[in-house]
Amino acid sequence: MRSEREIRTSIGFINWGHALDHYVMLIFPTVVISLGVVYDRSYAELIALGTASFVAFGVFALPAGWLADRWSRRNMMALFYSGCGASLIAAGFSPNLIVLAGTLFVLGVFASIYHPVGTAMLIEQARRRGRSLAFNGVCGNFGAALSAGVTAALIAAFGWRAGFFIPGVVCLGTALIYVRLVPREEKKASSRATVAEVPLATWLAATIFTLFIVIAICAGLVFNIVSVALPKIVDERLGAGVPLVFVGGVASTVFMCGAIAQLAVGRLVERVPAHILFAAIATLQFLGVLWAAQAAGKSLILALAVAMAAIYAQVTVNDLVIARYTADAWRGRVYAIRYFLTFLVSGAAVSAIAILYGRGGFDLVLGTTAVIALGFVVATAAIAVLVGGVEKQRSRAVVPAE
C-alpha cells in the first residue's frame, strides 16, 4: 500500500508531465516562424513538416495505453520523460529539414505515452477527481501557454536550436528524478476493478462509445488547428511589424485563459452534472471559434481567449465522463482510444492548416474549424440526453422508499 506522500509525489510528476507533454509538442509551431527566414521556405511548406509528429502522437497512444494496463503505468511514464528528452536534443542537432521532420516524428511517439497513461494513473490515485483533473488540465495548459513564449525567447537569445535543446535537458533530468522518487507499482494490473461506477446497458454503452468517437475526432481537429495555428494567427492578424517575442507572449496569454477555465470547471463539475456541463462547454467552444473567424486586432485576442478557454475546459469534463462509465481495468485502453483518435487527427489538422491557409488564409481555416466544432456540439448534446436518463433512473433507485 502506497503512503500518502508517495501518492502526492506520483501525482506531482503526473501534473508536471502534462505540462511538459503539451510544451514539447508545441515547440515546432513557434520554431517554424524562425525557420522561414533560415531556409527561405513558406509557412505552408514548413508547418507540414510537423504532420508526422502529430500523427505519431495519436497512433502510438494505442500501444502505450495497452502496455500501461498490461505492464506498468509507472515505467511507461519513465519512458515518456526519457524518450521526449532524447528526441528534443536530436531535433536540436538536426542538420537539415528532413532529419528535423524525422526527430519530430520520434518525439511524437514518446509524447503519445502521456495522455492514456498519465490520465489513467491520476484517475486511479486522485481523491477528488474533479479538482485533480482540473488542476492537471491547468498544468497541461501552462505547458502549452509557456511553449510559445519561452520558445520565442530562447530563439531570440540563442537561435532556434536552443528551443529544442533546453527542454530536452529538462525532460532527461526529470526522468532521472522520477525513477528515484516514484516507487514501482505494488498493485498488479490483473487486480484492477472490472466494473464501472455507473454500469451501462450494452446498447447504450455502444451508442455512447460511438458518440465519443465523433467527439474525439472533432475535439482533436478543433484543439490542434487552433493550438498549432495560434502563433501564426496572432502574428498575421494582430498587425504588421509585431516582433516574434510579442507574438509568443500574446499566444501564451491566450493559452492561460484555458488554465483559468479549467480551474473553474474543476469546481463546477462538483455542482453541475458532468454530461450537462460538457454540452454547455461544447457550445461555448463553437461560438468562440466562430467569433475568431471574423475578428481581427484586439477583438481577435478576446475571441481566441474564449475559444481556448472552452477547448481546454472540455478536455477536463470529457475525461471525467469517461472515468464515470469505465472500469479501472480498462481505463488505460479507453483513454488510449480517445487520445488515439483525438491526436491522430492532429496530423490531419496540421495538413489542413497548410492546405486551407494556402487557399483562403485564416478566414478559411477558422471557418472550417467552426463547422467541425458544431459537430462536437451535436454529439455532446446527444450524450447529455442519453446519460441524463441513466442518472435519473440511478438516483431513483438509491432513494429509500417512504
Foldseek 3Di string as FASTA:
>chain_A
DDDPVLLVVLLVLLLLLLLLLLLLLQLQLLLLVVVCVVVVDDSLVQLLLLLLLLLLLQQLLQVLLVCCLQPNLLVLSLQLLLQLLVLLLQLLVDPDSVSNSVSSNSNSNSSSNNFLSSLLSCLVRDPQQLQSLLSSLLSNLLSLLVNQQVQLVCCVVPRNSSSRNPSSVVSNVSSVVSPVSNDTDPDHSVPFFAAFLQEDDPVLVVLLLVLLLLLLQLLLLLVLLCSSCQLVLCQPFQDPPDDSNVSSNLSSVLSSLLSVLSNVRSVVVVPDPLLVVLLVLLVQLLVLLVQCLPDGHPSNSVSSSSNNNSSSNNVSSVSVVCRRHGTSSCSSNSSSNSSSSSSSCSSVSSNCQSVQCVPPNSNRSSVVSSVSSVSSSVSSVVVSVSVVVSVVVVVVVPDDDD
